[in-house]
Amino acid sequence: MKSIISNLVLFACGFLLWPLSSQAQLITTGMETQANTTTANSQQWPAAAMDANGNFVVAWESYGQEGTTYGIYCQRFDNTGTPLGAEFRANTTTNNDQRFPAIAMDALGNFVVVWQSYGHDGDGWGIYG
């Protein structure tokens, strides 16, 4: 399996997220894994990154999951698409919206998630991680 991020295919279908660990896997097996556990309301705007071993993490925004606004959630997967632990919230601030995640992962599996937070810095949208 190739380990570059561009080989991670991510589908957002009906606001549910399915990562496929590589384009080859899509063609040969059609394997898909739903990234989000929570399905109430909408989960959208996915972002994903992969390490050198094919393990990957998916981030997305989820509406109303913990409150009445958008929050940023993540799920880690091994290179077979099996979840590693439970999905988790990346943002700690829950006032207003936390939206539009972006993610990066190094070869060892360390990752960072950033997003836009409305009103957190007192003046419109700010970038947090």
C-alpha atoms as a PDB file:
ATOM      1  CA  MET A   1       0.000   0.000   0.000  1.00  0.00           C
ATOM      2  CA  LYS A   2       1.331   3.431  -0.844  1.00  0.00           C
ATOM      3  CA  SER A   3       1.666   5.794   2.066  1.00  0.00           C
ATOM      4  CA  ILE A   4       1.242   9.233   0.593  1.00  0.00           C
ATOM      5  CA  ILE A   5      -1.737  11.338   1.509  1.00  0.00           C
ATOM      6  CA  SER A   6      -2.909  11.706  -2.071  1.00  0.00           C
ATOM      7  CA  ASN A   7      -3.717   7.982  -2.114  1.00  0.00           C
ATOM      8  CA  LEU A   8      -6.263   8.354   0.679  1.00  0.00           C
ATOM      9  CA  VAL A   9      -9.697   8.519  -0.876  1.00  0.00           C
ATOM     10  CA  LEU A  10     -12.486   9.998   1.198  1.00  0.00           C
ATOM     11  CA  PHE A  11     -16.137  10.046   0.219  1.00  0.00           C
ATOM     12  CA  ALA A  12     -18.773  12.220   1.844  1.00  0.00           C
ATOM     13  CA  CYS A  13     -22.096  10.697   0.902  1.00  0.00           C
ATOM     14  CA  GLY A  14     -25.301  11.896   2.485  1.00  0.00           C
ATOM     15  CA  PHE A  15     -23.223  13.572   5.193  1.00  0.00           C
ATOM     16  CA  LEU A  16     -21.752  10.248   6.317  1.00  0.00           C
ATOM     17  CA  LEU A  17     -18.014   9.821   5.831  1.00  0.00           C
ATOM     18  CA  TRP A  18     -16.329   6.758   4.370  1.00  0.00           C
ATOM     19  CA  PRO A  19     -12.539   6.618   4.030  1.00  0.00           C
ATOM     20  CA  LEU A  20     -10.916   4.186   1.645  1.00  0.00           C
ATOM     21  CA  SER A  21      -7.277   3.617   2.473  1.00  0.00           C
ATOM     22  CA  SER A  22      -6.099   3.716  -1.140  1.00  0.00           C
ATOM     23  CA  GLN A  23      -7.348   4.088  -4.673  1.00  0.00           C
ATOM     24  CA  ALA A  24      -6.183   0.538  -5.388  1.00  0.00           C
ATOM     25  CA  GLN A  25      -8.282  -0.763  -2.514  1.00  0.00           C
ATOM     26  CA  LEU A  26     -11.339   0.975  -3.940  1.00  0.00           C
ATOM     27  CA  ILE A  27     -10.788  -0.636  -7.309  1.00  0.00           C
ATOM     28  CA  THR A  28      -9.923  -4.137  -6.057  1.00  0.00           C
ATOM     29  CA  THR A  29     -12.081  -4.550  -2.957  1.00  0.00           C
ATOM     30  CA  GLY A  30     -14.534  -1.686  -2.767  1.00  0.00           C
ATOM     31  CA  MET A  31     -13.839  -1.632   0.987  1.00  0.00           C
ATOM     32  CA  GLU A  32     -15.278   1.335   2.789  1.00  0.00           C
ATOM     33  CA  THR A  33     -15.340   2.262   6.447  1.00  0.00           C
ATOM     34  CA  GLN A  34     -17.710   4.794   7.931  1.00  0.00           C
ATOM     35  CA  ALA A  35     -15.538   7.344   9.743  1.00  0.00           C
ATOM     36  CA  ASN A  36     -18.169   8.919  11.992  1.00  0.00           C
ATOM     37  CA  THR A  37     -20.020   7.050  14.736  1.00  0.00           C
ATOM     38  CA  THR A  38     -22.504   9.836  15.424  1.00  0.00           C
ATOM     39  CA  THR A  39     -25.044  10.132  12.615  1.00  0.00           C
ATOM     40  CA  ALA A  40     -27.635  12.568  14.031  1.00  0.00           C
ATOM     41  CA  ASN A  41     -27.876  15.873  12.158  1.00  0.00           C
ATOM     42  CA  SER A  42     -24.992  16.383   9.731  1.00  0.00           C
ATOM     43  CA  GLN A  43     -21.339  15.361   9.632  1.00  0.00           C
ATOM     44  CA  GLN A  44     -19.576  17.104   6.777  1.00  0.00           C
ATOM     45  CA  TRP A  45     -16.471  18.877   5.473  1.00  0.00           C
ATOM     46  CA  PRO A  46     -14.105  15.887   5.868  1.00  0.00           C
ATOM     47  CA  ALA A  47     -10.327  16.103   5.889  1.00  0.00           C
ATOM     48  CA  ALA A  48      -7.893  13.189   6.102  1.00  0.00           C
ATOM     49  CA  ALA A  49      -4.186  12.419   6.413  1.00  0.00           C
ATOM     50  CA  MET A  50      -2.108   9.221   6.304  1.00  0.00           C
ATOM     51  CA  ASP A  51       1.198   8.141   7.861  1.00  0.00           C
ATOM     52  CA  ALA A  52       3.999   6.072   6.305  1.00  0.00           C
ATOM     53  CA  ASN A  53       2.382   2.771   7.379  1.00  0.00           C
ATOM     54  CA  GLY A  54      -1.014   3.537   5.859  1.00  0.00           C
ATOM     55  CA  ASN A  55      -2.677   4.401   9.182  1.00  0.00           C
ATOM     56  CA  PHE A  56      -4.881   7.449   8.826  1.00  0.00           C
ATOM     57  CA  VAL A  57      -7.020   9.964  10.645  1.00  0.00           C
ATOM     58  CA  VAL A  58     -10.201  11.650   9.456  1.00  0.00           C
ATOM     59  CA  ALA A  59     -11.548  14.946  10.804  1.00  0.00           C
ATOM     60  CA  TRP A  60     -14.944  16.504  10.079  1.00  0.00           C
ATOM     61  CA  GLU A  61     -17.406  19.058  11.380  1.00  0.00           C
ATOM     62  CA  SER A  62     -20.504  17.749  13.148  1.00  0.00           C
ATOM     63  CA  TYR A  63     -23.639  19.781  13.807  1.00  0.00           C
ATOM     64  CA  GLY A  64     -25.379  19.536  17.177  1.00  0.00           C
ATOM     65  CA  GLN A  65     -23.308  16.624  18.472  1.00  0.00           C
ATOM     66  CA  GLU A  66     -22.524  18.355  21.775  1.00  0.00           C
ATOM     67  CA  GLY A  67     -24.743  21.397  21.902  1.00  0.00           C
ATOM     68  CA  THR A  68     -26.440  23.409  19.194  1.00  0.00           C
ATOM     69  CA  THR A  69     -23.483  24.453  17.027  1.00  0.00           C
ATOM     70  CA  TYR A  70     -20.772  22.852  14.872  1.00  0.00           C
ATOM     71  CA  GLY A  71     -17.812  21.048  16.449  1.00  0.00           C
ATOM     72  CA  ILE A  72     -14.721  19.301  15.063  1.00  0.00           C
ATOM     73  CA  TYR A  73     -14.446  15.537  15.513  1.00  0.00           C
ATOM     74  CA  CYS A  74     -11.792  12.983  14.543  1.00  0.00           C
ATOM     75  CA  GLN A  75     -11.339   9.233  14.199  1.00  0.00           C
ATOM     76  CA  ARG A  76      -8.063   7.328  13.835  1.00  0.00           C
ATOM     77  CA  PHE A  77      -7.812   4.133  11.744  1.00  0.00           C
ATOM     78  CA  ASP A  78      -5.164   1.501  11.176  1.00  0.00           C
ATOM     79  CA  ASN A  79      -4.026   0.595   7.673  1.00  0.00           C
ATOM     80  CA  THR A  80      -6.866  -1.925   7.281  1.00  0.00           C
ATOM     81  CA  GLY A  81      -9.535   0.700   7.982  1.00  0.00           C
ATOM     82  CA  THR A  82     -10.222  -0.555  11.518  1.00  0.00           C
ATOM     83  CA  PRO A  83     -10.989   2.287  13.965  1.00  0.00           C
ATOM     84  CA  LEU A  84      -8.383   2.928  16.670  1.00  0.00           C
ATOM     85  CA  GLY A  85     -10.420   3.967  19.701  1.00  0.00           C
ATOM     86  CA  ALA A  86     -13.567   6.056  19.567  1.00  0.00           C
ATOM     87  CA  GLU A  87     -14.259   9.250  17.663  1.00  0.00           C
ATOM     88  CA  PHE A  88     -13.259  12.304  19.691  1.00  0.00           C
ATOM     89  CA  ARG A  89     -13.863  16.032  19.741  1.00  0.00           C
ATOM     90  CA  ALA A  90     -10.830  18.109  18.733  1.00  0.00           C
ATOM     91  CA  ASN A  91     -12.100  21.521  19.870  1.00  0.00           C
ATOM     92  CA  THR A  92     -12.430  22.507  23.528  1.00  0.00           C
ATOM     93  CA  THR A  93     -14.332  25.753  22.924  1.00  0.00           C
ATOM     94  CA  THR A  94     -18.014  25.044  22.378  1.00  0.00           C
ATOM     95  CA  ASN A  95     -19.345  28.607  22.058  1.00  0.00           C
ATOM     96  CA  ASN A  96     -20.419  29.444  18.514  1.00  0.00           C
ATOM     97  CA  ASP A  97     -19.266  27.396  15.521  1.00  0.00           C
ATOM     98  CA  GLN A  98     -16.043  25.416  15.066  1.00  0.00           C
ATOM     99  CA  ARG A  99     -15.885  24.592  11.352  1.00  0.00           C
ATOM    100  CA  PHE A 100     -13.837  23.659   8.275  1.00  0.00           C
ATOM    101  CA  PRO A 101     -11.137  21.291   9.610  1.00  0.00           C
ATOM    102  CA  ALA A 102      -7.789  20.677   7.952  1.00  0.00           C
ATOM    103  CA  ILE A 103      -5.369  17.965   9.049  1.00  0.00           C
ATOM    104  CA  ALA A 104      -1.739  16.936   8.596  1.00  0.00           C
ATOM    105  CA  MET A 105       0.044  13.761   9.730  1.00  0.00           C
ATOM    106  CA  ASP A 106       3.747  12.939   9.718  1.00  0.00           C
ATOM    107  CA  ALA A 107       5.326   9.598   8.773  1.00  0.00           C
ATOM    108  CA  LEU A 108       5.218   8.414  12.420  1.00  0.00           C
ATOM    109  CA  GLY A 109       1.493   9.047  12.864  1.00  0.00           C
ATOM    110  CA  ASN A 110       1.657  12.322  14.800  1.00  0.00           C
ATOM    111  CA  PHE A 111      -1.057  14.653  13.566  1.00  0.00           C
ATOM    112  CA  VAL A 112      -2.460  18.135  14.011  1.00  0.00           C
ATOM    113  CA  VAL A 113      -5.976  19.364  13.276  1.00  0.00           C
ATOM    114  CA  VAL A 114      -6.806  23.033  12.709  1.00  0.00           C
ATOM    115  CA  TRP A 115     -10.176  24.687  12.138  1.00  0.00           C
ATOM    116  CA  GLN A 116     -11.981  28.011  12.037  1.00  0.00           C
ATOM    117  CA  SER A 117     -13.638  29.165  15.260  1.00  0.00           C
ATOM    118  CA  TYR A 118     -16.249  31.923  15.202  1.00  0.00           C
ATOM    119  CA  GLY A 119     -16.014  34.577  17.917  1.00  0.00           C
ATOM    120  CA  HIS A 120     -13.296  32.780  19.900  1.00  0.00           C
ATOM    121  CA  ASP A 121     -10.817  35.648  19.499  1.00  0.00           C
ATOM    122  CA  GLY A 122     -13.508  38.294  19.916  1.00  0.00           C
ATOM    123  CA  ASP A 123     -13.569  39.345  16.256  1.00  0.00           C
ATOM    124  CA  GLY A 124     -15.183  37.044  13.705  1.00  0.00           C
ATOM    125  CA  TRP A 125     -13.414  33.896  12.509  1.00  0.00           C
ATOM    126  CA  GLY A 126     -10.039  32.795  13.907  1.00  0.00           C
ATOM    127  CA  ILE A 127      -7.826  29.754  13.256  1.00  0.00           C
ATOM    128  CA  TYR A 128      -7.283  27.272  16.093  1.00  0.00           C
ATOM    129  CA  GLY A 129      -5.806  23.808  16.558  1.00  0.00           C
END
